[in-house]
């Protein structure tokens, strides 16, 4: 879990700025991704914050993204491993290895559970990245709760579970297939 969490934190160094730009382009805050980047560069320059301001704007949502990714990882991978172990024991396999198909199914299930449980953090991340001005996570959370109620924290849960389940099945099923292939003894 520690290695996966550290990997997620490192991945956020690339993921967060691209997410900020992508989401703002999708929300049509500017005409294109390039226009979003130009607007970030211009707005921060105008406000006299220089490159530090640009950095802060591009990494807006870093903390909440990490706060989403680490629990996600800490739910998905142990659950996936536990489901595989359960299946191997249930089947009475002596080699202790799950099939790629089982791993894919359990990857989808563990991804769905992790996605569902971390959706409120994803909603906060998205709203924080799309905000015109910097806002604290707690102020944002209280605002969402007051304006839209607790259900708003689960907006988009269906599509999020769907794409993460599919990704979990493909990624973890492929991983298991490769792992199983590498473990095979050469014949002849």
N, C-alpha and C. Protein backbone atom coordinates (compact mmCIF):
# COMPACT_ATOMS: atom_id res chain seq x y z
N UNK A 1 0.82 -1.19 0.00
CA UNK A 1 0.00 0.00 0.00
C UNK A 1 0.87 1.26 0.00
N UNK A 2 1.98 1.21 0.74
CA UNK A 2 2.86 2.37 0.80
C UNK A 2 3.46 2.65 -0.58
N UNK A 3 3.94 1.61 -1.25
CA UNK A 3 4.54 1.80 -2.58
C UNK A 3 3.51 2.34 -3.57
N UNK A 4 2.30 1.79 -3.53
CA UNK A 4 1.25 2.26 -4.44
C UNK A 4 0.89 3.71 -4.13
N UNK A 5 0.82 4.04 -2.86
CA UNK A 5 0.48 5.42 -2.47
C UNK A 5 1.56 6.39 -2.91
N UNK A 6 2.82 6.02 -2.72
CA UNK A 6 3.92 6.89 -3.17
C UNK A 6 3.92 7.04 -4.68
N UNK A 7 3.61 5.96 -5.38
CA UNK A 7 3.50 6.02 -6.84
C UNK A 7 2.39 6.97 -7.28
N UNK A 8 1.27 6.92 -6.58
CA UNK A 8 0.15 7.82 -6.90
C UNK A 8 0.53 9.28 -6.65
N UNK A 9 1.24 9.53 -5.56
CA UNK A 9 1.66 10.90 -5.26
C UNK A 9 2.59 11.40 -6.37
N UNK A 10 3.52 10.57 -6.81
CA UNK A 10 4.41 10.96 -7.90
C UNK A 10 3.63 11.19 -9.20
N UNK A 11 2.66 10.33 -9.46
CA UNK A 11 1.86 10.48 -10.68
C UNK A 11 1.07 11.79 -10.67
N UNK A 12 0.69 12.25 -9.49
CA UNK A 12 -0.05 13.51 -9.38
C UNK A 12 0.75 14.71 -9.85
N UNK A 13 2.07 14.59 -9.85
CA UNK A 13 2.91 15.68 -10.35
C UNK A 13 2.62 15.97 -11.81
N UNK A 14 2.22 14.94 -12.55
CA UNK A 14 1.85 15.10 -13.96
C UNK A 14 0.34 15.24 -14.10
N UNK A 15 -0.38 14.44 -13.34
CA UNK A 15 -1.83 14.36 -13.47
C UNK A 15 -2.54 15.66 -13.13
N UNK A 16 -2.13 16.33 -12.05
CA UNK A 16 -2.88 17.50 -11.59
C UNK A 16 -2.88 18.64 -12.60
N UNK A 17 -1.73 19.10 -13.12
CA UNK A 17 -1.80 20.18 -14.10
C UNK A 17 -2.59 19.80 -15.36
N UNK A 18 -2.45 18.56 -15.81
CA UNK A 18 -3.20 18.16 -17.00
C UNK A 18 -4.69 18.09 -16.70
N UNK A 19 -5.06 17.67 -15.49
CA UNK A 19 -6.48 17.64 -15.09
C UNK A 19 -7.06 19.05 -15.01
N UNK A 20 -6.30 19.97 -14.43
CA UNK A 20 -6.77 21.35 -14.33
C UNK A 20 -7.07 21.89 -15.72
N UNK A 21 -6.14 21.72 -16.64
CA UNK A 21 -6.31 22.23 -18.00
C UNK A 21 -7.45 21.51 -18.71
N UNK A 22 -7.48 20.18 -18.62
CA UNK A 22 -8.52 19.39 -19.29
C UNK A 22 -9.91 19.76 -18.78
N UNK A 23 -10.08 19.82 -17.46
CA UNK A 23 -11.39 20.10 -16.90
C UNK A 23 -11.88 21.50 -17.25
N UNK A 24 -10.99 22.45 -17.22
CA UNK A 24 -11.39 23.81 -17.58
C UNK A 24 -11.75 23.91 -19.06
N UNK A 25 -11.05 23.16 -19.90
CA UNK A 25 -11.39 23.14 -21.33
C UNK A 25 -12.74 22.45 -21.52
N UNK A 26 -12.98 21.35 -20.80
CA UNK A 26 -14.25 20.64 -20.92
C UNK A 26 -15.41 21.47 -20.40
N UNK A 27 -15.16 22.27 -19.38
CA UNK A 27 -16.20 23.14 -18.83
C UNK A 27 -16.36 24.41 -19.67
N UNK A 28 -15.60 24.49 -20.75
CA UNK A 28 -15.64 25.60 -21.70
C UNK A 28 -15.32 26.95 -21.05
N UNK A 29 -14.41 26.91 -20.07
CA UNK A 29 -13.96 28.17 -19.48
C UNK A 29 -13.13 28.95 -20.48
N UNK A 30 -12.54 28.23 -21.42
CA UNK A 30 -11.80 28.83 -22.54
C UNK A 30 -12.11 27.98 -23.77
N UNK A 31 -11.69 28.44 -24.94
CA UNK A 31 -12.02 27.75 -26.19
C UNK A 31 -11.27 26.44 -26.41
N UNK A 32 -10.10 26.29 -25.80
CA UNK A 32 -9.30 25.09 -26.01
C UNK A 32 -8.37 24.88 -24.82
N UNK A 33 -7.71 23.74 -24.80
CA UNK A 33 -6.74 23.47 -23.75
C UNK A 33 -5.60 24.47 -23.78
N UNK A 34 -5.14 24.81 -24.97
CA UNK A 34 -4.06 25.80 -25.10
C UNK A 34 -4.52 27.16 -24.58
N UNK A 35 -5.78 27.50 -24.85
CA UNK A 35 -6.31 28.78 -24.36
C UNK A 35 -6.42 28.78 -22.84
N UNK A 36 -6.74 27.63 -22.24
CA UNK A 36 -6.79 27.53 -20.78
C UNK A 36 -5.40 27.81 -20.22
N UNK A 37 -4.39 27.18 -20.78
CA UNK A 37 -3.02 27.38 -20.30
C UNK A 37 -2.61 28.84 -20.46
N UNK A 38 -2.92 29.42 -21.61
CA UNK A 38 -2.59 30.84 -21.83
C UNK A 38 -3.29 31.73 -20.80
N UNK A 39 -4.55 31.42 -20.51
CA UNK A 39 -5.30 32.22 -19.53
C UNK A 39 -4.69 32.09 -18.13
N UNK A 40 -4.27 30.90 -17.77
CA UNK A 40 -3.61 30.72 -16.46
C UNK A 40 -2.33 31.54 -16.41
N UNK A 41 -1.54 31.47 -17.46
CA UNK A 41 -0.30 32.23 -17.51
C UNK A 41 -0.56 33.73 -17.46
N UNK A 42 -1.55 34.21 -18.19
CA UNK A 42 -1.86 35.64 -18.24
C UNK A 42 -2.46 36.13 -16.93
N UNK A 43 -3.40 35.39 -16.38
CA UNK A 43 -4.09 35.82 -15.16
C UNK A 43 -3.11 35.95 -13.99
N UNK A 44 -2.23 35.00 -13.85
CA UNK A 44 -1.29 35.05 -12.74
C UNK A 44 -0.24 36.14 -12.95
N UNK A 45 0.12 36.37 -14.19
CA UNK A 45 1.09 37.42 -14.49
C UNK A 45 0.47 38.78 -14.17
N UNK A 46 -0.80 38.95 -14.56
CA UNK A 46 -1.50 40.22 -14.31
C UNK A 46 -1.63 40.50 -12.82
N UNK A 47 -1.84 39.47 -12.05
CA UNK A 47 -2.03 39.65 -10.61
C UNK A 47 -0.70 39.81 -9.88
N UNK A 48 0.42 39.75 -10.60
CA UNK A 48 1.72 39.98 -10.02
C UNK A 48 2.28 38.84 -9.18
N UNK A 49 1.77 37.66 -9.39
CA UNK A 49 2.26 36.51 -8.63
C UNK A 49 3.37 35.76 -9.35
N UNK A 50 3.62 36.11 -10.59
CA UNK A 50 4.71 35.49 -11.34
C UNK A 50 4.59 33.99 -11.48
N UNK A 51 5.73 33.33 -11.59
CA UNK A 51 5.76 31.89 -11.82
C UNK A 51 5.22 31.11 -10.62
N UNK A 52 5.38 31.63 -9.43
CA UNK A 52 4.82 30.95 -8.25
C UNK A 52 3.30 30.90 -8.37
N UNK A 53 2.72 31.98 -8.83
CA UNK A 53 1.26 32.01 -9.03
C UNK A 53 0.81 31.04 -10.11
N UNK A 54 1.60 30.95 -11.19
CA UNK A 54 1.29 29.99 -12.26
C UNK A 54 1.36 28.57 -11.70
N UNK A 55 2.41 28.31 -10.96
CA UNK A 55 2.60 26.99 -10.34
C UNK A 55 1.39 26.64 -9.46
N UNK A 56 0.99 27.59 -8.61
CA UNK A 56 -0.15 27.36 -7.71
C UNK A 56 -1.43 27.10 -8.49
N UNK A 57 -1.62 27.82 -9.57
CA UNK A 57 -2.84 27.64 -10.37
C UNK A 57 -2.83 26.30 -11.08
N UNK A 58 -1.70 25.92 -11.65
CA UNK A 58 -1.62 24.63 -12.35
C UNK A 58 -1.75 23.45 -11.39
N UNK A 59 -1.30 23.65 -10.16
CA UNK A 59 -1.38 22.58 -9.17
C UNK A 59 -2.54 22.77 -8.19
N UNK A 60 -3.52 23.59 -8.60
CA UNK A 60 -4.70 23.76 -7.76
C UNK A 60 -5.41 22.40 -7.68
N UNK A 61 -5.67 21.97 -6.50
CA UNK A 61 -6.31 20.67 -6.33
C UNK A 61 -5.33 19.55 -6.05
N UNK A 62 -4.02 19.88 -5.93
CA UNK A 62 -3.00 18.85 -5.66
C UNK A 62 -3.36 18.08 -4.39
N UNK A 63 -3.63 18.80 -3.31
CA UNK A 63 -3.89 18.16 -2.02
C UNK A 63 -5.10 17.24 -2.06
N UNK A 64 -6.18 17.71 -2.65
CA UNK A 64 -7.40 16.88 -2.70
C UNK A 64 -7.24 15.74 -3.68
N UNK A 65 -6.43 15.92 -4.72
CA UNK A 65 -6.18 14.81 -5.65
C UNK A 65 -5.40 13.71 -4.94
N UNK A 66 -4.38 14.08 -4.20
CA UNK A 66 -3.63 13.10 -3.42
C UNK A 66 -4.56 12.47 -2.37
N UNK A 67 -5.41 13.30 -1.74
CA UNK A 67 -6.34 12.79 -0.74
C UNK A 67 -7.37 11.84 -1.35
N UNK A 68 -7.60 11.93 -2.64
CA UNK A 68 -8.49 10.99 -3.34
C UNK A 68 -7.73 9.74 -3.76
N UNK A 69 -6.54 9.92 -4.31
CA UNK A 69 -5.78 8.81 -4.88
C UNK A 69 -5.25 7.83 -3.84
N UNK A 70 -4.76 8.34 -2.72
CA UNK A 70 -4.19 7.45 -1.71
C UNK A 70 -5.25 6.52 -1.12
N UNK A 71 -6.41 7.02 -0.66
CA UNK A 71 -7.43 6.09 -0.17
C UNK A 71 -7.92 5.14 -1.27
N UNK A 72 -8.05 5.66 -2.49
CA UNK A 72 -8.47 4.82 -3.60
C UNK A 72 -7.53 3.62 -3.73
N UNK A 73 -6.24 3.91 -3.75
CA UNK A 73 -5.23 2.86 -3.87
C UNK A 73 -5.26 1.92 -2.68
N UNK A 74 -5.45 2.48 -1.49
CA UNK A 74 -5.46 1.67 -0.28
C UNK A 74 -6.72 0.80 -0.16
N UNK A 75 -7.73 1.12 -0.93
CA UNK A 75 -8.94 0.27 -0.99
C UNK A 75 -8.80 -0.74 -2.12
N UNK A 76 -8.47 -0.26 -3.32
CA UNK A 76 -8.49 -1.11 -4.51
C UNK A 76 -7.51 -2.28 -4.43
N UNK A 77 -6.25 -2.01 -4.18
CA UNK A 77 -5.25 -3.08 -4.27
C UNK A 77 -5.38 -4.15 -3.18
N UNK A 78 -5.56 -3.78 -1.90
CA UNK A 78 -5.77 -4.84 -0.91
C UNK A 78 -7.05 -5.64 -1.15
N UNK A 79 -8.10 -4.97 -1.60
CA UNK A 79 -9.35 -5.69 -1.89
C UNK A 79 -9.15 -6.66 -3.05
N UNK A 80 -8.47 -6.22 -4.09
CA UNK A 80 -8.17 -7.07 -5.24
C UNK A 80 -7.37 -8.30 -4.81
N UNK A 81 -6.34 -8.07 -4.01
CA UNK A 81 -5.52 -9.19 -3.52
C UNK A 81 -6.34 -10.13 -2.64
N UNK A 82 -7.17 -9.58 -1.77
CA UNK A 82 -7.99 -10.42 -0.88
C UNK A 82 -8.99 -11.25 -1.68
N UNK A 83 -9.59 -10.67 -2.69
CA UNK A 83 -10.54 -11.41 -3.53
C UNK A 83 -9.84 -12.54 -4.28
N UNK A 84 -8.65 -12.27 -4.78
CA UNK A 84 -7.88 -13.32 -5.47
C UNK A 84 -7.54 -14.46 -4.51
N UNK A 85 -7.06 -14.11 -3.30
CA UNK A 85 -6.73 -15.15 -2.31
C UNK A 85 -7.96 -15.97 -1.94
N UNK A 86 -9.08 -15.28 -1.77
CA UNK A 86 -10.33 -15.96 -1.44
C UNK A 86 -10.69 -16.97 -2.54
N UNK A 87 -10.58 -16.56 -3.78
CA UNK A 87 -10.92 -17.44 -4.91
C UNK A 87 -9.98 -18.63 -4.99
N UNK A 88 -8.71 -18.40 -4.79
CA UNK A 88 -7.71 -19.48 -4.84
C UNK A 88 -7.99 -20.49 -3.73
N UNK A 89 -8.28 -19.99 -2.52
CA UNK A 89 -8.61 -20.90 -1.40
C UNK A 89 -9.92 -21.64 -1.67
N UNK A 90 -10.89 -20.92 -2.18
CA UNK A 90 -12.20 -21.53 -2.47
C UNK A 90 -12.08 -22.65 -3.49
N UNK A 91 -11.21 -22.45 -4.46
CA UNK A 91 -11.00 -23.44 -5.51
C UNK A 91 -10.02 -24.53 -5.07
N UNK A 92 -9.33 -24.31 -3.95
CA UNK A 92 -8.37 -25.30 -3.46
C UNK A 92 -7.14 -25.45 -4.34
N UNK A 93 -6.72 -24.37 -4.96
CA UNK A 93 -5.56 -24.42 -5.85
C UNK A 93 -4.27 -24.45 -5.04
N UNK A 94 -3.41 -25.37 -5.38
CA UNK A 94 -2.15 -25.50 -4.66
C UNK A 94 -1.11 -24.48 -5.13
N UNK A 95 -1.21 -24.01 -6.39
CA UNK A 95 -0.22 -23.06 -6.89
C UNK A 95 -0.45 -21.64 -6.34
N UNK A 96 -1.64 -21.38 -5.78
CA UNK A 96 -1.92 -20.08 -5.18
C UNK A 96 -2.08 -18.94 -6.16
N UNK A 97 -2.33 -19.25 -7.43
CA UNK A 97 -2.39 -18.22 -8.46
C UNK A 97 -3.79 -18.09 -9.04
N UNK A 98 -4.25 -16.86 -9.14
CA UNK A 98 -5.53 -16.58 -9.78
C UNK A 98 -5.33 -16.54 -11.29
N UNK A 99 -6.41 -16.79 -12.03
CA UNK A 99 -6.35 -16.68 -13.49
C UNK A 99 -6.46 -15.20 -13.88
N UNK A 100 -6.12 -14.91 -15.10
CA UNK A 100 -6.24 -13.54 -15.60
C UNK A 100 -7.71 -13.11 -15.60
N UNK A 101 -8.61 -14.01 -15.94
CA UNK A 101 -10.04 -13.69 -15.95
C UNK A 101 -10.56 -13.36 -14.55
N UNK A 102 -10.14 -14.16 -13.58
CA UNK A 102 -10.54 -13.89 -12.19
C UNK A 102 -9.97 -12.55 -11.74
N UNK A 103 -8.72 -12.33 -12.06
CA UNK A 103 -8.07 -11.08 -11.68
C UNK A 103 -8.77 -9.88 -12.32
N UNK A 104 -9.19 -10.04 -13.56
CA UNK A 104 -9.91 -8.96 -14.24
C UNK A 104 -11.25 -8.69 -13.54
N UNK A 105 -11.97 -9.75 -13.22
CA UNK A 105 -13.26 -9.59 -12.53
C UNK A 105 -13.07 -8.92 -11.17
N UNK A 106 -12.07 -9.38 -10.43
CA UNK A 106 -11.82 -8.80 -9.11
C UNK A 106 -11.25 -7.39 -9.22
N UNK A 107 -10.53 -7.11 -10.30
CA UNK A 107 -10.06 -5.75 -10.55
C UNK A 107 -11.22 -4.81 -10.79
N UNK A 108 -12.22 -5.29 -11.53
CA UNK A 108 -13.42 -4.48 -11.78
C UNK A 108 -14.17 -4.22 -10.48
N UNK A 109 -14.33 -5.28 -9.68
CA UNK A 109 -15.06 -5.14 -8.40
C UNK A 109 -14.33 -4.20 -7.46
N UNK A 110 -13.03 -4.43 -7.28
CA UNK A 110 -12.27 -3.59 -6.34
C UNK A 110 -12.20 -2.15 -6.83
N UNK A 111 -12.09 -1.96 -8.14
CA UNK A 111 -12.10 -0.60 -8.69
C UNK A 111 -13.44 0.08 -8.47
N UNK A 112 -14.53 -0.67 -8.63
CA UNK A 112 -15.86 -0.10 -8.42
C UNK A 112 -16.06 0.32 -6.97
N UNK A 113 -15.65 -0.53 -6.05
CA UNK A 113 -15.78 -0.21 -4.63
C UNK A 113 -14.95 1.03 -4.29
N UNK A 114 -13.69 1.04 -4.71
CA UNK A 114 -12.81 2.18 -4.43
C UNK A 114 -13.34 3.46 -5.08
N UNK A 115 -13.82 3.35 -6.30
CA UNK A 115 -14.36 4.53 -6.99
C UNK A 115 -15.59 5.06 -6.28
N UNK A 116 -16.48 4.17 -5.89
CA UNK A 116 -17.70 4.61 -5.20
C UNK A 116 -17.39 5.31 -3.88
N UNK A 117 -16.48 4.72 -3.12
CA UNK A 117 -16.16 5.29 -1.81
C UNK A 117 -15.39 6.61 -1.89
N UNK A 118 -14.66 6.82 -2.96
CA UNK A 118 -13.87 8.05 -3.09
C UNK A 118 -14.54 9.10 -3.98
N UNK A 119 -15.76 8.84 -4.43
CA UNK A 119 -16.46 9.82 -5.27
C UNK A 119 -16.61 11.18 -4.60
N UNK A 120 -16.94 11.27 -3.30
CA UNK A 120 -17.02 12.61 -2.70
C UNK A 120 -15.72 13.40 -2.82
N UNK A 121 -14.59 12.72 -2.70
CA UNK A 121 -13.30 13.40 -2.86
C UNK A 121 -13.09 13.82 -4.31
N UNK A 122 -13.59 13.02 -5.26
CA UNK A 122 -13.49 13.36 -6.67
C UNK A 122 -14.34 14.59 -6.99
N UNK A 123 -15.52 14.67 -6.40
CA UNK A 123 -16.38 15.84 -6.60
C UNK A 123 -15.68 17.09 -6.07
N UNK A 124 -15.11 17.00 -4.88
CA UNK A 124 -14.38 18.14 -4.32
C UNK A 124 -13.21 18.54 -5.21
N UNK A 125 -12.47 17.55 -5.72
CA UNK A 125 -11.32 17.81 -6.60
C UNK A 125 -11.77 18.57 -7.85
N UNK A 126 -12.83 18.08 -8.46
CA UNK A 126 -13.31 18.70 -9.70
C UNK A 126 -13.77 20.13 -9.46
N UNK A 127 -14.56 20.33 -8.42
CA UNK A 127 -15.07 21.68 -8.13
C UNK A 127 -13.93 22.63 -7.76
N UNK A 128 -12.94 22.12 -7.05
CA UNK A 128 -11.80 22.95 -6.67
C UNK A 128 -11.00 23.37 -7.90
N UNK A 129 -10.79 22.44 -8.82
CA UNK A 129 -10.03 22.74 -10.03
C UNK A 129 -10.77 23.68 -10.96
N UNK A 130 -12.10 23.63 -10.94
CA UNK A 130 -12.89 24.47 -11.83
C UNK A 130 -13.22 25.85 -11.23
N UNK A 131 -12.97 26.02 -9.95
CA UNK A 131 -13.28 27.30 -9.31
C UNK A 131 -12.46 28.42 -9.94
N UNK A 132 -13.11 29.55 -10.12
CA UNK A 132 -12.42 30.70 -10.72
C UNK A 132 -11.33 31.26 -9.81
N UNK A 133 -11.55 31.16 -8.52
CA UNK A 133 -10.57 31.65 -7.54
C UNK A 133 -10.26 30.53 -6.55
N UNK A 134 -9.13 30.65 -5.90
CA UNK A 134 -8.73 29.66 -4.91
C UNK A 134 -9.73 29.66 -3.76
N UNK A 135 -10.08 28.46 -3.30
CA UNK A 135 -11.02 28.30 -2.20
C UNK A 135 -10.55 27.11 -1.36
N UNK A 136 -10.75 27.17 -0.06
CA UNK A 136 -10.33 26.05 0.78
C UNK A 136 -11.29 24.87 0.61
N UNK A 137 -10.78 23.69 0.83
CA UNK A 137 -11.58 22.48 0.68
C UNK A 137 -12.76 22.48 1.64
N UNK A 138 -12.52 22.90 2.87
CA UNK A 138 -13.60 22.90 3.88
C UNK A 138 -14.69 23.90 3.52
N UNK A 139 -14.31 25.07 3.05
CA UNK A 139 -15.30 26.07 2.64
C UNK A 139 -16.10 25.53 1.45
N UNK A 140 -15.41 24.92 0.51
CA UNK A 140 -16.07 24.34 -0.65
C UNK A 140 -17.03 23.22 -0.24
N UNK A 141 -16.59 22.34 0.64
CA UNK A 141 -17.45 21.23 1.08
C UNK A 141 -18.70 21.75 1.78
N UNK A 142 -18.55 22.74 2.65
CA UNK A 142 -19.71 23.32 3.34
C UNK A 142 -20.65 23.99 2.34
N UNK A 143 -20.08 24.65 1.34
CA UNK A 143 -20.89 25.32 0.32
C UNK A 143 -21.70 24.30 -0.49
N UNK A 144 -21.07 23.22 -0.91
CA UNK A 144 -21.77 22.18 -1.66
C UNK A 144 -22.89 21.59 -0.82
N UNK A 145 -22.60 21.29 0.42
CA UNK A 145 -23.59 20.71 1.33
C UNK A 145 -24.77 21.65 1.52
N UNK A 146 -24.49 22.94 1.75
CA UNK A 146 -25.54 23.92 1.98
C UNK A 146 -26.40 24.15 0.73
N UNK A 147 -25.75 24.23 -0.43
CA UNK A 147 -26.46 24.54 -1.67
C UNK A 147 -27.18 23.35 -2.28
N UNK A 148 -26.57 22.17 -2.19
CA UNK A 148 -27.10 21.02 -2.94
C UNK A 148 -27.39 19.79 -2.10
N UNK A 149 -26.97 19.78 -0.86
CA UNK A 149 -27.21 18.63 0.00
C UNK A 149 -26.17 17.54 -0.19
N UNK A 150 -26.25 16.50 0.64
CA UNK A 150 -25.23 15.44 0.62
C UNK A 150 -25.19 14.64 -0.69
N UNK A 151 -26.29 14.56 -1.40
CA UNK A 151 -26.30 13.80 -2.66
C UNK A 151 -25.34 14.39 -3.69
N UNK A 152 -25.06 15.68 -3.59
CA UNK A 152 -24.17 16.33 -4.55
C UNK A 152 -22.76 15.74 -4.51
N UNK A 153 -22.39 15.16 -3.36
CA UNK A 153 -21.05 14.57 -3.24
C UNK A 153 -20.93 13.26 -4.02
N UNK A 154 -22.04 12.78 -4.55
CA UNK A 154 -22.01 11.54 -5.32
C UNK A 154 -22.40 11.78 -6.78
N UNK A 155 -22.34 13.03 -7.22
CA UNK A 155 -22.61 13.36 -8.62
C UNK A 155 -21.60 12.64 -9.51
N UNK A 156 -22.08 12.00 -10.53
CA UNK A 156 -21.21 11.31 -11.48
C UNK A 156 -20.71 9.97 -11.01
N UNK A 157 -21.30 9.42 -9.95
CA UNK A 157 -20.80 8.16 -9.40
C UNK A 157 -20.94 7.01 -10.40
N UNK A 158 -22.02 6.99 -11.16
CA UNK A 158 -22.22 5.90 -12.14
C UNK A 158 -21.11 5.85 -13.19
N UNK A 159 -20.89 6.96 -13.91
CA UNK A 159 -19.81 6.95 -14.90
C UNK A 159 -18.44 6.71 -14.28
N UNK A 160 -18.20 7.24 -13.08
CA UNK A 160 -16.91 7.04 -12.42
C UNK A 160 -16.70 5.56 -12.11
N UNK A 161 -17.71 4.92 -11.56
CA UNK A 161 -17.60 3.49 -11.27
C UNK A 161 -17.43 2.70 -12.56
N UNK A 162 -18.17 3.09 -13.60
CA UNK A 162 -18.09 2.38 -14.88
C UNK A 162 -16.70 2.42 -15.50
N UNK A 163 -16.13 3.60 -15.62
CA UNK A 163 -14.82 3.67 -16.30
C UNK A 163 -13.72 3.11 -15.44
N UNK A 164 -13.81 3.27 -14.13
CA UNK A 164 -12.76 2.72 -13.27
C UNK A 164 -12.87 1.20 -13.19
N UNK A 165 -14.09 0.67 -13.20
CA UNK A 165 -14.26 -0.79 -13.23
C UNK A 165 -13.65 -1.38 -14.49
N UNK A 166 -13.95 -0.76 -15.62
CA UNK A 166 -13.40 -1.25 -16.88
C UNK A 166 -11.87 -1.16 -16.87
N UNK A 167 -11.36 -0.04 -16.38
CA UNK A 167 -9.91 0.12 -16.29
C UNK A 167 -9.27 -0.89 -15.36
N UNK A 168 -9.91 -1.14 -14.22
CA UNK A 168 -9.41 -2.12 -13.27
C UNK A 168 -9.38 -3.52 -13.86
N UNK A 169 -10.42 -3.86 -14.61
CA UNK A 169 -10.47 -5.17 -15.25
C UNK A 169 -9.35 -5.32 -16.27
N UNK A 170 -9.19 -4.32 -17.10
CA UNK A 170 -8.16 -4.38 -18.15
C UNK A 170 -6.77 -4.37 -17.54
N UNK A 171 -6.51 -3.41 -16.67
CA UNK A 171 -5.17 -3.26 -16.09
C UNK A 171 -4.78 -4.45 -15.23
N UNK A 172 -5.64 -4.81 -14.28
CA UNK A 172 -5.27 -5.88 -13.34
C UNK A 172 -5.40 -7.26 -13.97
N UNK A 173 -6.32 -7.42 -14.91
CA UNK A 173 -6.39 -8.68 -15.66
C UNK A 173 -5.15 -8.88 -16.53
N UNK A 174 -4.73 -7.82 -17.20
CA UNK A 174 -3.52 -7.89 -18.03
C UNK A 174 -2.28 -8.11 -17.19
N UNK A 175 -2.24 -7.44 -16.05
CA UNK A 175 -1.11 -7.63 -15.14
C UNK A 175 -1.02 -9.10 -14.71
N UNK A 176 -2.16 -9.68 -14.33
CA UNK A 176 -2.16 -11.07 -13.88
C UNK A 176 -1.77 -12.01 -15.02
N UNK A 177 -2.26 -11.73 -16.22
CA UNK A 177 -1.92 -12.56 -17.37
C UNK A 177 -0.41 -12.56 -17.59
N UNK A 178 0.17 -11.36 -17.59
CA UNK A 178 1.63 -11.24 -17.78
C UNK A 178 2.39 -11.92 -16.65
N UNK A 179 1.93 -11.70 -15.43
CA UNK A 179 2.57 -12.32 -14.27
C UNK A 179 2.52 -13.84 -14.37
N UNK A 180 1.36 -14.37 -14.75
CA UNK A 180 1.22 -15.83 -14.90
C UNK A 180 2.09 -16.35 -16.03
N UNK A 181 2.19 -15.62 -17.11
CA UNK A 181 3.02 -16.05 -18.25
C UNK A 181 4.50 -16.07 -17.85
N UNK A 182 4.93 -15.10 -17.09
CA UNK A 182 6.33 -15.03 -16.68
C UNK A 182 6.68 -16.13 -15.69
N UNK A 183 5.69 -16.62 -14.95
CA UNK A 183 5.93 -17.69 -13.97
C UNK A 183 5.98 -19.08 -14.61
N UNK A 184 5.50 -19.19 -15.83
CA UNK A 184 5.46 -20.52 -16.47
C UNK A 184 6.86 -21.07 -16.67
N UNK A 185 7.01 -22.34 -16.41
CA UNK A 185 8.29 -23.02 -16.63
C UNK A 185 8.47 -23.26 -18.11
N UNK A 186 9.68 -23.03 -18.63
CA UNK A 186 9.90 -23.35 -20.05
C UNK A 186 9.80 -24.86 -20.28
N UNK A 187 9.23 -25.22 -21.40
CA UNK A 187 9.08 -26.65 -21.73
C UNK A 187 10.17 -27.05 -22.72
N UNK A 188 10.45 -28.37 -22.74
CA UNK A 188 11.36 -28.91 -23.74
C UNK A 188 12.71 -28.87 -23.31
